[in-house]
Amino acid sequence: MAVKDDFRSLSGPSKAAIMLLALGQDYAAKVFTFLDDDEIRELSQAMSSLGSVNAKVVERLFVEFANQMSSGGSVIGNVEATQRLLASIMDPDRVQSIMDDITGPAGRTMWDKLGNVNDTVLANYLRNEYPQTVAVVMSRIKAEQAARVIALLPDQMSRDVVLRMLKMEHVQKEVLEDVERTLRTEFMANLGRSQKRNPSENLAEIFNALDRANLNRLMGFLDDQAPGDAEKIRSFMFTFDDLLKLNGTDVQAILREVDKDALAIALKGASEELRKLFFSNMSERASKLLQDEMASMGPVRVKDVDEAQQRIIATTKDLIARGVIEVPEEGEANELIE
């Protein structure tokens, strides 16, 4: 096999392969821990096809490397490299905890990360912030998410936020960086620690957002294949029929918050018992107007009913999170003692 003695003909992978072989097994093994599978595969292929390398080529290669590093050669850092480095010096659980603090939910920037945060969770955090801060956040996240979050904020706060957004022409870099830093240190870090829930709870939240047909399809499958898990998921779910657990005061609190058009569509697909619960907690005139509206709208698509009911559920969950209403646990007595 010919001896390689032409430095200029060497490819990048060949140069890296020569350096690793020259470093020796122990040091080369440490370098390999920082490489991904594709990089290891490419280097291994280069090593296996090197043959003999002239000592002068090896020397020139190390001189070139030293010169590049001393003249400002760059070092690339990213999430994957950081995780591999940590994994080489500490146990997996600790690595995961640190990486959760660093990365939070999936996303490249802070605003990408917020796009993966549950709307109610984000709204509950922002309701304790200054309206100007909330306005900055709403101006940076996607319009669809901003609309959902604003709808979950208290009425007066949502108005203040909208007014401030109207007057917002340019956000100073320092202000934006401060908001990002606060979100990262106070919100995302805590969120990463608090989101370690069991699988049944996670699936329940997903199933709550499914349309009726897909929910019935998937729950039917789980009833057949994993009935115990299906019951656990149901215990975490909050459906429109669960509103029957509420007392009159709680229903009245919901009525003060919800959009009446959405309520009419939602009740169109509700049980007679649930309709009566809402009608009985409205004034006679308001109840009559709502029933007339439901009668005049004719047939309603199941999809529209599901979406309207999800809006009512979202409002109810927000009221629960704020402590305005409380849903009794299964089997808990709901009677009042005078």
C-alpha atoms as a PDB file:
ATOM      1  CA  MET A   1       0.000   0.000   0.000  1.00  0.00           C
ATOM      2  CA  ALA A   2       1.362   3.426  -0.987  1.00  0.00           C
ATOM      3  CA  VAL A   3       2.577   5.805   1.681  1.00  0.00           C
ATOM      4  CA  LYS A   4       0.603   9.065   1.864  1.00  0.00           C
ATOM      5  CA  ASP A   5       3.107  11.906   1.554  1.00  0.00           C
ATOM      6  CA  ASP A   6       1.074  14.658  -0.178  1.00  0.00           C
ATOM      7  CA  PHE A   7      -0.471  16.894   2.514  1.00  0.00           C
ATOM      8  CA  ARG A   8      -2.486  18.932  -0.016  1.00  0.00           C
ATOM      9  CA  SER A   9      -4.409  15.906  -1.270  1.00  0.00           C
ATOM     10  CA  LEU A  10      -5.865  15.036   2.130  1.00  0.00           C
ATOM     11  CA  SER A  11      -9.594  15.525   2.681  1.00  0.00           C
ATOM     12  CA  GLY A  12     -11.045  16.877   5.919  1.00  0.00           C
ATOM     13  CA  PRO A  13     -12.118  13.449   7.208  1.00  0.00           C
ATOM     14  CA  SER A  14      -8.666  12.046   6.339  1.00  0.00           C
ATOM     15  CA  LYS A  15      -6.929  14.816   8.302  1.00  0.00           C
ATOM     16  CA  ALA A  16      -9.183  14.168  11.304  1.00  0.00           C
ATOM     17  CA  ALA A  17      -8.560  10.427  11.040  1.00  0.00           C
ATOM     18  CA  ILE A  18      -4.776  10.907  10.984  1.00  0.00           C
ATOM     19  CA  MET A  19      -4.900  13.190  14.031  1.00  0.00           C
ATOM     20  CA  LEU A  20      -7.000  10.731  16.030  1.00  0.00           C
ATOM     21  CA  LEU A  21      -4.737   7.818  15.167  1.00  0.00           C
ATOM     22  CA  ALA A  22      -1.691   9.898  16.118  1.00  0.00           C
ATOM     23  CA  LEU A  23      -3.237  10.869  19.454  1.00  0.00           C
ATOM     24  CA  GLY A  24      -3.519   7.249  20.475  1.00  0.00           C
ATOM     25  CA  GLN A  25      -6.406   5.062  21.628  1.00  0.00           C
ATOM     26  CA  ASP A  26      -7.144   6.701  24.987  1.00  0.00           C
ATOM     27  CA  TYR A  27      -7.375  10.271  23.712  1.00  0.00           C
ATOM     28  CA  ALA A  28      -9.131   9.243  20.487  1.00  0.00           C
ATOM     29  CA  ALA A  29     -11.789   7.419  22.539  1.00  0.00           C
ATOM     30  CA  LYS A  30     -12.513  10.613  24.477  1.00  0.00           C
ATOM     31  CA  VAL A  31     -12.921  12.567  21.221  1.00  0.00           C
ATOM     32  CA  PHE A  32     -15.332   9.956  19.886  1.00  0.00           C
ATOM     33  CA  THR A  33     -17.705  10.568  22.811  1.00  0.00           C
ATOM     34  CA  PHE A  34     -18.401  14.037  21.386  1.00  0.00           C
ATOM     35  CA  LEU A  35     -19.276  12.815  17.887  1.00  0.00           C
ATOM     36  CA  ASP A  36     -22.616  11.672  16.542  1.00  0.00           C
ATOM     37  CA  ASP A  37     -23.135   8.393  14.694  1.00  0.00           C
ATOM     38  CA  ASP A  38     -22.732   9.882  11.207  1.00  0.00           C
ATOM     39  CA  GLU A  39     -19.456  11.594  12.178  1.00  0.00           C
ATOM     40  CA  ILE A  40     -18.104   8.397  13.737  1.00  0.00           C
ATOM     41  CA  ARG A  41     -19.090   6.430  10.648  1.00  0.00           C
ATOM     42  CA  GLU A  42     -17.351   8.900   8.312  1.00  0.00           C
ATOM     43  CA  LEU A  43     -14.183   9.010  10.427  1.00  0.00           C
ATOM     44  CA  SER A  44     -14.064   5.236  10.767  1.00  0.00           C
ATOM     45  CA  GLN A  45     -14.311   4.855   7.007  1.00  0.00           C
ATOM     46  CA  ALA A  46     -11.491   7.394   6.517  1.00  0.00           C
ATOM     47  CA  MET A  47      -9.308   5.580   9.068  1.00  0.00           C
ATOM     48  CA  SER A  48      -9.814   2.193   7.460  1.00  0.00           C
ATOM     49  CA  SER A  49      -8.689   3.479   4.044  1.00  0.00           C
ATOM     50  CA  LEU A  50      -5.708   5.625   5.099  1.00  0.00           C
ATOM     51  CA  GLY A  51      -2.877   3.164   4.695  1.00  0.00           C
ATOM     52  CA  SER A  52       0.605   4.415   5.680  1.00  0.00           C
ATOM     53  CA  VAL A  53       1.060   8.151   6.339  1.00  0.00           C
ATOM     54  CA  ASN A  54       4.450   9.856   6.097  1.00  0.00           C
ATOM     55  CA  ALA A  55       5.718  11.268   9.420  1.00  0.00           C
ATOM     56  CA  LYS A  56       6.217  14.695   7.816  1.00  0.00           C
ATOM     57  CA  VAL A  57       2.542  14.762   6.804  1.00  0.00           C
ATOM     58  CA  VAL A  58       1.521  14.033  10.396  1.00  0.00           C
ATOM     59  CA  GLU A  59       3.827  16.761  11.687  1.00  0.00           C
ATOM     60  CA  ARG A  60       2.534  19.320   9.180  1.00  0.00           C
ATOM     61  CA  LEU A  61      -1.046  18.407  10.089  1.00  0.00           C
ATOM     62  CA  PHE A  62      -0.485  19.147  13.793  1.00  0.00           C
ATOM     63  CA  VAL A  63       1.317  22.422  12.947  1.00  0.00           C
ATOM     64  CA  GLU A  64      -1.659  23.491  10.812  1.00  0.00           C
ATOM     65  CA  PHE A  65      -4.079  22.617  13.600  1.00  0.00           C
ATOM     66  CA  ALA A  66      -2.046  24.542  16.193  1.00  0.00           C
ATOM     67  CA  ASN A  67      -1.783  27.583  13.916  1.00  0.00           C
ATOM     68  CA  GLN A  68      -5.517  27.644  13.236  1.00  0.00           C
ATOM     69  CA  MET A  69      -6.415  27.410  16.917  1.00  0.00           C
ATOM     70  CA  SER A  70      -3.910  30.055  17.980  1.00  0.00           C
ATOM     71  CA  SER A  71      -5.104  32.475  15.301  1.00  0.00           C
ATOM     72  CA  GLY A  72      -8.705  32.460  16.426  1.00  0.00           C
ATOM     73  CA  GLY A  73      -9.935  29.086  15.326  1.00  0.00           C
ATOM     74  CA  SER A  74     -13.577  28.748  16.361  1.00  0.00           C
ATOM     75  CA  VAL A  75     -15.172  26.166  18.613  1.00  0.00           C
ATOM     76  CA  ILE A  76     -18.772  25.219  17.934  1.00  0.00           C
ATOM     77  CA  GLY A  77     -21.089  24.681  20.867  1.00  0.00           C
ATOM     78  CA  ASN A  78     -24.653  23.375  20.628  1.00  0.00           C
ATOM     79  CA  VAL A  79     -27.229  21.474  22.682  1.00  0.00           C
ATOM     80  CA  GLU A  80     -26.153  18.066  21.383  1.00  0.00           C
ATOM     81  CA  ALA A  81     -22.445  18.656  22.092  1.00  0.00           C
ATOM     82  CA  THR A  82     -23.243  19.961  25.571  1.00  0.00           C
ATOM     83  CA  GLN A  83     -25.390  16.947  26.384  1.00  0.00           C
ATOM     84  CA  ARG A  84     -22.691  14.525  25.194  1.00  0.00           C
ATOM     85  CA  LEU A  85     -20.079  16.302  27.308  1.00  0.00           C
ATOM     86  CA  LEU A  86     -22.257  16.198  30.434  1.00  0.00           C
ATOM     87  CA  ALA A  87     -23.117  12.531  29.808  1.00  0.00           C
ATOM     88  CA  SER A  88     -19.424  11.675  29.915  1.00  0.00           C
ATOM     89  CA  ILE A  89     -18.956  13.068  33.430  1.00  0.00           C
ATOM     90  CA  MET A  90     -22.262  12.604  35.316  1.00  0.00           C
ATOM     91  CA  ASP A  91     -25.227  10.249  35.668  1.00  0.00           C
ATOM     92  CA  PRO A  92     -28.133  10.379  33.142  1.00  0.00           C
ATOM     93  CA  ASP A  93     -30.750  11.736  35.576  1.00  0.00           C
ATOM     94  CA  ARG A  94     -28.603  14.722  36.489  1.00  0.00           C
ATOM     95  CA  VAL A  95     -27.797  15.370  32.829  1.00  0.00           C
ATOM     96  CA  GLN A  96     -31.497  15.356  31.962  1.00  0.00           C
ATOM     97  CA  SER A  97     -32.330  17.745  34.801  1.00  0.00           C
ATOM     98  CA  ILE A  98     -29.668  20.224  33.665  1.00  0.00           C
ATOM     99  CA  MET A  99     -30.706  19.968  30.003  1.00  0.00           C
ATOM    100  CA  ASP A 100     -34.368  20.512  30.946  1.00  0.00           C
ATOM    101  CA  ASP A 101     -33.384  23.739  32.684  1.00  0.00           C
ATOM    102  CA  ILE A 102     -31.392  24.849  29.645  1.00  0.00           C
ATOM    103  CA  THR A 103     -33.777  23.938  26.847  1.00  0.00           C
ATOM    104  CA  GLY A 104     -37.261  23.948  28.376  1.00  0.00           C
ATOM    105  CA  PRO A 105     -39.956  22.786  25.903  1.00  0.00           C
ATOM    106  CA  ALA A 106     -38.848  22.156  22.333  1.00  0.00           C
ATOM    107  CA  GLY A 107     -37.875  25.258  20.366  1.00  0.00           C
ATOM    108  CA  ARG A 108     -34.835  27.197  19.191  1.00  0.00           C
ATOM    109  CA  THR A 109     -35.627  30.622  20.641  1.00  0.00           C
ATOM    110  CA  MET A 110     -37.558  31.684  23.718  1.00  0.00           C
ATOM    111  CA  TRP A 111     -40.517  32.589  21.507  1.00  0.00           C
ATOM    112  CA  ASP A 112     -40.378  29.189  19.792  1.00  0.00           C
ATOM    113  CA  LYS A 113     -40.411  27.577  23.230  1.00  0.00           C
ATOM    114  CA  LEU A 114     -43.483  29.563  24.287  1.00  0.00           C
ATOM    115  CA  GLY A 115     -45.252  28.229  21.209  1.00  0.00           C
ATOM    116  CA  ASN A 116     -45.059  24.761  22.792  1.00  0.00           C
ATOM    117  CA  VAL A 117     -46.437  25.848  26.166  1.00  0.00           C
ATOM    118  CA  ASN A 118     -50.047  25.137  27.074  1.00  0.00           C
ATOM    119  CA  ASP A 119     -52.155  28.291  26.574  1.00  0.00           C
ATOM    120  CA  THR A 120     -53.748  28.118  30.024  1.00  0.00           C
ATOM    121  CA  VAL A 121     -50.370  27.621  31.741  1.00  0.00           C
ATOM    122  CA  LEU A 122     -48.931  30.636  29.916  1.00  0.00           C
ATOM    123  CA  ALA A 123     -51.991  32.783  30.641  1.00  0.00           C
ATOM    124  CA  ASN A 124     -51.894  31.890  34.343  1.00  0.00           C
ATOM    125  CA  TYR A 125     -48.260  32.980  34.522  1.00  0.00           C
ATOM    126  CA  LEU A 126     -48.787  36.208  32.592  1.00  0.00           C
ATOM    127  CA  ARG A 127     -51.781  37.319  34.651  1.00  0.00           C
ATOM    128  CA  ASN A 128     -49.288  38.132  37.444  1.00  0.00           C
ATOM    129  CA  GLU A 129     -47.073  40.240  35.163  1.00  0.00           C
ATOM    130  CA  TYR A 130     -47.349  43.916  34.216  1.00  0.00           C
ATOM    131  CA  PRO A 131     -49.635  44.527  31.190  1.00  0.00           C
ATOM    132  CA  GLN A 132     -46.681  46.081  29.346  1.00  0.00           C
ATOM    133  CA  THR A 133     -44.672  42.868  29.785  1.00  0.00           C
ATOM    134  CA  VAL A 134     -47.631  40.800  28.598  1.00  0.00           C
ATOM    135  CA  ALA A 135     -47.990  43.102  25.583  1.00  0.00           C
ATOM    136  CA  VAL A 136     -44.350  42.484  24.657  1.00  0.00           C
ATOM    137  CA  VAL A 137     -44.833  38.724  24.904  1.00  0.00           C
ATOM    138  CA  MET A 138     -48.053  38.832  22.850  1.00  0.00           C
ATOM    139  CA  SER A 139     -46.304  40.838  20.150  1.00  0.00           C
ATOM    140  CA  ARG A 140     -43.553  38.219  19.819  1.00  0.00           C
ATOM    141  CA  ILE A 141     -45.452  34.903  19.796  1.00  0.00           C
ATOM    142  CA  LYS A 142     -47.581  33.651  16.908  1.00  0.00           C
ATOM    143  CA  ALA A 143     -50.880  35.470  16.362  1.00  0.00           C
ATOM    144  CA  GLU A 144     -52.981  32.310  16.818  1.00  0.00           C
ATOM    145  CA  GLN A 145     -51.462  31.567  20.208  1.00  0.00           C
ATOM    146  CA  ALA A 146     -51.629  35.217  21.280  1.00  0.00           C
ATOM    147  CA  ALA A 147     -55.360  35.237  20.488  1.00  0.00           C
ATOM    148  CA  ARG A 148     -55.979  32.169  22.636  1.00  0.00           C
ATOM    149  CA  VAL A 149     -53.913  33.488  25.554  1.00  0.00           C
ATOM    150  CA  ILE A 150     -55.522  36.954  25.497  1.00  0.00           C
ATOM    151  CA  ALA A 151     -58.938  35.275  25.600  1.00  0.00           C
ATOM    152  CA  LEU A 152     -57.895  33.514  28.827  1.00  0.00           C
ATOM    153  CA  LEU A 153     -56.714  36.689  30.597  1.00  0.00           C
ATOM    154  CA  PRO A 154     -59.015  38.619  32.947  1.00  0.00           C
ATOM    155  CA  ASP A 155     -61.239  41.057  31.070  1.00  0.00           C
ATOM    156  CA  GLN A 156     -59.628  44.287  32.305  1.00  0.00           C
ATOM    157  CA  MET A 157     -56.121  42.944  31.832  1.00  0.00           C
ATOM    158  CA  SER A 158     -56.810  41.823  28.266  1.00  0.00           C
ATOM    159  CA  ARG A 159     -58.059  45.337  27.481  1.00  0.00           C
ATOM    160  CA  ASP A 160     -54.938  46.925  28.960  1.00  0.00           C
ATOM    161  CA  VAL A 161     -52.732  44.554  26.977  1.00  0.00           C
ATOM    162  CA  VAL A 162     -54.505  45.316  23.701  1.00  0.00           C
ATOM    163  CA  LEU A 163     -54.219  49.089  24.273  1.00  0.00           C
ATOM    164  CA  ARG A 164     -50.510  48.805  25.031  1.00  0.00           C
ATOM    165  CA  MET A 165     -49.965  46.704  21.936  1.00  0.00           C
ATOM    166  CA  LEU A 166     -51.630  49.431  19.867  1.00  0.00           C
ATOM    167  CA  LYS A 167     -49.203  52.017  21.213  1.00  0.00           C
ATOM    168  CA  MET A 168     -46.170  49.757  20.889  1.00  0.00           C
ATOM    169  CA  GLU A 169     -44.026  50.945  17.987  1.00  0.00           C
ATOM    170  CA  HIS A 170     -40.576  49.623  18.824  1.00  0.00           C
ATOM    171  CA  VAL A 171     -39.410  47.490  21.728  1.00  0.00           C
ATOM    172  CA  GLN A 172     -35.951  48.449  22.928  1.00  0.00           C
ATOM    173  CA  LYS A 173     -33.414  45.657  22.758  1.00  0.00           C
ATOM    174  CA  GLU A 174     -32.683  45.931  26.488  1.00  0.00           C
ATOM    175  CA  VAL A 175     -36.384  45.573  27.366  1.00  0.00           C
ATOM    176  CA  LEU A 176     -36.768  42.554  25.098  1.00  0.00           C
ATOM    177  CA  GLU A 177     -33.685  40.887  26.562  1.00  0.00           C
ATOM    178  CA  ASP A 178     -34.970  41.531  30.085  1.00  0.00           C
ATOM    179  CA  VAL A 179     -38.338  39.932  29.266  1.00  0.00           C
ATOM    180  CA  GLU A 180     -36.608  36.934  27.679  1.00  0.00           C
ATOM    181  CA  ARG A 181     -34.322  36.549  30.684  1.00  0.00           C
ATOM    182  CA  THR A 182     -37.270  36.646  33.090  1.00  0.00           C
ATOM    183  CA  LEU A 183     -39.200  34.086  31.073  1.00  0.00           C
ATOM    184  CA  ARG A 184     -36.187  31.805  30.943  1.00  0.00           C
ATOM    185  CA  THR A 185     -35.231  31.975  34.615  1.00  0.00           C
ATOM    186  CA  GLU A 186     -38.645  32.288  36.279  1.00  0.00           C
ATOM    187  CA  PHE A 187     -41.041  30.544  33.923  1.00  0.00           C
ATOM    188  CA  MET A 188     -39.317  28.019  31.665  1.00  0.00           C
ATOM    189  CA  ALA A 189     -37.028  26.604  34.354  1.00  0.00           C
ATOM    190  CA  ASN A 190     -39.943  25.999  36.730  1.00  0.00           C
ATOM    191  CA  LEU A 191     -42.094  24.714  33.875  1.00  0.00           C
ATOM    192  CA  GLY A 192     -39.505  22.109  32.952  1.00  0.00           C
ATOM    193  CA  ARG A 193     -39.504  20.796  36.518  1.00  0.00           C
ATOM    194  CA  SER A 194     -43.293  20.867  36.940  1.00  0.00           C
ATOM    195  CA  GLN A 195     -44.197  19.143  33.683  1.00  0.00           C
ATOM    196  CA  LYS A 196     -42.983  15.696  34.732  1.00  0.00           C
ATOM    197  CA  ARG A 197     -46.466  14.178  34.933  1.00  0.00           C
ATOM    198  CA  ASN A 198     -47.517  10.596  34.464  1.00  0.00           C
ATOM    199  CA  PRO A 199     -48.468   9.396  30.961  1.00  0.00           C
ATOM    200  CA  SER A 200     -52.171   9.086  31.778  1.00  0.00           C
ATOM    201  CA  GLU A 201     -52.363  12.758  32.751  1.00  0.00           C
ATOM    202  CA  ASN A 202     -50.525  13.816  29.607  1.00  0.00           C
ATOM    203  CA  LEU A 203     -52.823  11.732  27.403  1.00  0.00           C
ATOM    204  CA  ALA A 204     -55.895  13.068  29.214  1.00  0.00           C
ATOM    205  CA  GLU A 205     -54.913  16.603  28.273  1.00  0.00           C
ATOM    206  CA  ILE A 206     -54.419  15.565  24.655  1.00  0.00           C
ATOM    207  CA  PHE A 207     -57.704  13.654  24.584  1.00  0.00           C
ATOM    208  CA  ASN A 208     -59.514  16.682  26.008  1.00  0.00           C
ATOM    209  CA  ALA A 209     -58.548  18.581  22.855  1.00  0.00           C
ATOM    210  CA  LEU A 210     -59.658  15.836  20.424  1.00  0.00           C
ATOM    211  CA  ASP A 211     -62.846  16.051  18.409  1.00  0.00           C
ATOM    212  CA  ARG A 212     -65.612  13.675  19.418  1.00  0.00           C
ATOM    213  CA  ALA A 213     -65.070  11.102  16.647  1.00  0.00           C
ATOM    214  CA  ASN A 214     -61.347  10.672  17.297  1.00  0.00           C
ATOM    215  CA  LEU A 215     -61.848  10.680  21.069  1.00  0.00           C
ATOM    216  CA  ASN A 216     -64.419   7.891  20.847  1.00  0.00           C
ATOM    217  CA  ARG A 217     -62.213   5.952  18.429  1.00  0.00           C
ATOM    218  CA  LEU A 218     -59.096   6.103  20.623  1.00  0.00           C
ATOM    219  CA  MET A 219     -60.884   5.575  23.919  1.00  0.00           C
ATOM    220  CA  GLY A 220     -62.682   2.580  22.397  1.00  0.00           C
ATOM    221  CA  PHE A 221     -59.317   1.142  21.412  1.00  0.00           C
ATOM    222  CA  LEU A 222     -57.926   1.663  24.939  1.00  0.00           C
ATOM    223  CA  ASP A 223     -61.057   0.158  26.505  1.00  0.00           C
ATOM    224  CA  ASP A 224     -60.326  -3.023  24.544  1.00  0.00           C
ATOM    225  CA  GLN A 225     -56.544  -3.127  24.831  1.00  0.00           C
ATOM    226  CA  ALA A 226     -55.811  -1.421  28.165  1.00  0.00           C
ATOM    227  CA  PRO A 227     -59.032  -0.928  30.164  1.00  0.00           C
ATOM    228  CA  GLY A 228     -57.173  -0.022  33.360  1.00  0.00           C
ATOM    229  CA  ASP A 229     -55.238   2.737  31.598  1.00  0.00           C
ATOM    230  CA  ALA A 230     -58.419   3.960  29.923  1.00  0.00           C
ATOM    231  CA  GLU A 231     -60.022   4.475  33.328  1.00  0.00           C
ATOM    232  CA  LYS A 232     -56.945   6.346  34.584  1.00  0.00           C
ATOM    233  CA  ILE A 233     -57.107   8.678  31.592  1.00  0.00           C
ATOM    234  CA  ARG A 234     -60.828   9.295  32.169  1.00  0.00           C
ATOM    235  CA  SER A 235     -60.097  10.208  35.790  1.00  0.00           C
ATOM    236  CA  PHE A 236     -57.775  13.004  34.603  1.00  0.00           C
ATOM    237  CA  MET A 237     -60.002  14.237  31.790  1.00  0.00           C
ATOM    238  CA  PHE A 238     -62.375  17.156  32.131  1.00  0.00           C
ATOM    239  CA  THR A 239     -65.272  16.884  29.689  1.00  0.00           C
ATOM    240  CA  PHE A 240     -68.302  19.036  29.018  1.00  0.00           C
ATOM    241  CA  ASP A 241     -70.477  16.573  30.946  1.00  0.00           C
ATOM    242  CA  ASP A 242     -68.280  17.147  34.007  1.00  0.00           C
ATOM    243  CA  LEU A 243     -69.929  20.553  34.325  1.00  0.00           C
ATOM    244  CA  LEU A 244     -72.830  18.677  35.924  1.00  0.00           C
ATOM    245  CA  LYS A 245     -70.624  18.383  39.033  1.00  0.00           C
ATOM    246  CA  LEU A 246     -70.759  22.153  39.542  1.00  0.00           C
ATOM    247  CA  ASN A 247     -73.147  23.975  41.812  1.00  0.00           C
ATOM    248  CA  GLY A 248     -75.256  26.971  40.818  1.00  0.00           C
ATOM    249  CA  THR A 249     -72.738  29.558  42.002  1.00  0.00           C
ATOM    250  CA  ASP A 250     -70.012  27.993  39.883  1.00  0.00           C
ATOM    251  CA  VAL A 251     -72.239  27.816  36.806  1.00  0.00           C
ATOM    252  CA  GLN A 252     -73.086  31.500  37.239  1.00  0.00           C
ATOM    253  CA  ALA A 253     -69.359  32.299  37.351  1.00  0.00           C
ATOM    254  CA  ILE A 254     -68.934  30.493  34.016  1.00  0.00           C
ATOM    255  CA  LEU A 255     -71.900  32.338  32.528  1.00  0.00           C
ATOM    256  CA  ARG A 256     -70.299  35.680  33.371  1.00  0.00           C
ATOM    257  CA  GLU A 257     -67.159  34.738  31.410  1.00  0.00           C
ATOM    258  CA  VAL A 258     -68.268  32.768  28.356  1.00  0.00           C
ATOM    259  CA  ASP A 259     -69.328  34.028  24.951  1.00  0.00           C
ATOM    260  CA  LYS A 260     -73.107  33.582  24.691  1.00  0.00           C
ATOM    261  CA  ASP A 261     -72.986  32.539  21.029  1.00  0.00           C
ATOM    262  CA  ALA A 262     -70.505  29.790  21.882  1.00  0.00           C
ATOM    263  CA  LEU A 263     -72.698  28.728  24.819  1.00  0.00           C
ATOM    264  CA  ALA A 264     -75.741  28.367  22.562  1.00  0.00           C
ATOM    265  CA  ILE A 265     -73.852  26.111  20.157  1.00  0.00           C
ATOM    266  CA  ALA A 266     -72.249  24.125  23.003  1.00  0.00           C
ATOM    267  CA  LEU A 267     -75.597  23.462  24.700  1.00  0.00           C
ATOM    268  CA  LYS A 268     -77.105  22.462  21.369  1.00  0.00           C
ATOM    269  CA  GLY A 269     -75.144  19.216  21.652  1.00  0.00           C
ATOM    270  CA  ALA A 270     -75.455  18.817  25.441  1.00  0.00           C
ATOM    271  CA  SER A 271     -77.675  16.527  27.463  1.00  0.00           C
ATOM    272  CA  GLU A 272     -81.054  17.775  28.630  1.00  0.00           C
ATOM    273  CA  GLU A 273     -79.827  17.632  32.240  1.00  0.00           C
ATOM    274  CA  LEU A 274     -76.875  19.895  31.462  1.00  0.00           C
ATOM    275  CA  ARG A 275     -79.065  22.344  29.552  1.00  0.00           C
ATOM    276  CA  LYS A 276     -81.391  22.607  32.527  1.00  0.00           C
ATOM    277  CA  LEU A 277     -78.438  23.290  34.835  1.00  0.00           C
ATOM    278  CA  PHE A 278     -77.442  26.324  32.761  1.00  0.00           C
ATOM    279  CA  PHE A 279     -80.992  27.574  32.119  1.00  0.00           C
ATOM    280  CA  SER A 280     -81.845  27.373  35.821  1.00  0.00           C
ATOM    281  CA  ASN A 281     -78.909  29.597  36.720  1.00  0.00           C
ATOM    282  CA  MET A 282     -79.887  32.380  34.326  1.00  0.00           C
ATOM    283  CA  SER A 283     -82.584  34.974  34.639  1.00  0.00           C
ATOM    284  CA  GLU A 284     -85.909  33.969  33.107  1.00  0.00           C
ATOM    285  CA  ARG A 285     -85.446  36.487  30.297  1.00  0.00           C
ATOM    286  CA  ALA A 286     -81.847  35.448  29.534  1.00  0.00           C
ATOM    287  CA  SER A 287     -82.821  31.772  29.591  1.00  0.00           C
ATOM    288  CA  LYS A 288     -85.703  32.421  27.160  1.00  0.00           C
ATOM    289  CA  LEU A 289     -83.437  34.366  24.768  1.00  0.00           C
ATOM    290  CA  LEU A 290     -80.819  31.606  24.811  1.00  0.00           C
ATOM    291  CA  GLN A 291     -83.376  28.871  24.154  1.00  0.00           C
ATOM    292  CA  ASP A 292     -84.909  30.890  21.305  1.00  0.00           C
ATOM    293  CA  GLU A 293     -81.448  31.366  19.778  1.00  0.00           C
ATOM    294  CA  MET A 294     -80.755  27.625  20.009  1.00  0.00           C
ATOM    295  CA  ALA A 295     -84.076  26.827  18.358  1.00  0.00           C
ATOM    296  CA  SER A 296     -83.572  29.324  15.530  1.00  0.00           C
ATOM    297  CA  MET A 297     -80.087  28.161  14.535  1.00  0.00           C
ATOM    298  CA  GLY A 298     -81.323  24.831  13.188  1.00  0.00           C
ATOM    299  CA  PRO A 299     -78.988  21.821  12.799  1.00  0.00           C
ATOM    300  CA  VAL A 300     -75.405  22.438  13.934  1.00  0.00           C
ATOM    301  CA  ARG A 301     -72.301  20.552  12.786  1.00  0.00           C
ATOM    302  CA  VAL A 302     -70.767  18.219  15.357  1.00  0.00           C
ATOM    303  CA  LYS A 303     -67.401  19.907  14.727  1.00  0.00           C
ATOM    304  CA  ASP A 304     -68.860  23.314  15.673  1.00  0.00           C
ATOM    305  CA  VAL A 305     -70.428  21.873  18.824  1.00  0.00           C
ATOM    306  CA  ASP A 306     -67.127  20.268  19.853  1.00  0.00           C
ATOM    307  CA  GLU A 307     -65.219  23.525  19.318  1.00  0.00           C
ATOM    308  CA  ALA A 308     -67.787  25.538  21.288  1.00  0.00           C
ATOM    309  CA  GLN A 309     -67.726  23.037  24.151  1.00  0.00           C
ATOM    310  CA  GLN A 310     -63.912  23.169  24.206  1.00  0.00           C
ATOM    311  CA  ARG A 311     -64.123  26.959  24.599  1.00  0.00           C
ATOM    312  CA  ILE A 312     -66.473  26.555  27.577  1.00  0.00           C
ATOM    313  CA  ILE A 313     -64.159  23.909  29.078  1.00  0.00           C
ATOM    314  CA  ALA A 314     -61.127  26.198  28.602  1.00  0.00           C
ATOM    315  CA  THR A 315     -62.941  29.002  30.424  1.00  0.00           C
ATOM    316  CA  THR A 316     -63.958  26.618  33.212  1.00  0.00           C
ATOM    317  CA  LYS A 317     -60.384  25.362  33.633  1.00  0.00           C
ATOM    318  CA  ASP A 318     -59.161  28.937  33.820  1.00  0.00           C
ATOM    319  CA  LEU A 319     -61.687  29.697  36.585  1.00  0.00           C
ATOM    320  CA  ILE A 320     -60.583  26.545  38.419  1.00  0.00           C
ATOM    321  CA  ALA A 321     -56.913  27.550  38.122  1.00  0.00           C
ATOM    322  CA  ARG A 322     -57.744  30.991  39.509  1.00  0.00           C
ATOM    323  CA  GLY A 323     -59.643  29.450  42.427  1.00  0.00           C
ATOM    324  CA  VAL A 324     -62.935  31.063  41.396  1.00  0.00           C
ATOM    325  CA  ILE A 325     -64.702  27.708  41.184  1.00  0.00           C
ATOM    326  CA  GLU A 326     -63.874  24.239  42.469  1.00  0.00           C
ATOM    327  CA  VAL A 327     -64.835  20.906  40.959  1.00  0.00           C
ATOM    328  CA  PRO A 328     -65.731  18.308  43.632  1.00  0.00           C
ATOM    329  CA  GLU A 329     -63.731  15.077  43.568  1.00  0.00           C
ATOM    330  CA  GLU A 330     -65.542  11.909  42.525  1.00  0.00           C
ATOM    331  CA  GLY A 331     -67.837  10.858  45.342  1.00  0.00           C
ATOM    332  CA  GLU A 332     -67.340  14.082  47.293  1.00  0.00           C
ATOM    333  CA  ALA A 333     -70.538  15.418  48.817  1.00  0.00           C
ATOM    334  CA  ASN A 334     -71.787  18.540  47.091  1.00  0.00           C
ATOM    335  CA  GLU A 335     -74.486  19.506  49.545  1.00  0.00           C
ATOM    336  CA  LEU A 336     -74.294  22.675  51.582  1.00  0.00           C
ATOM    337  CA  ILE A 337     -74.864  22.754  55.327  1.00  0.00           C
ATOM    338  CA  GLU A 338     -76.814  25.724  56.618  1.00  0.00           C
END
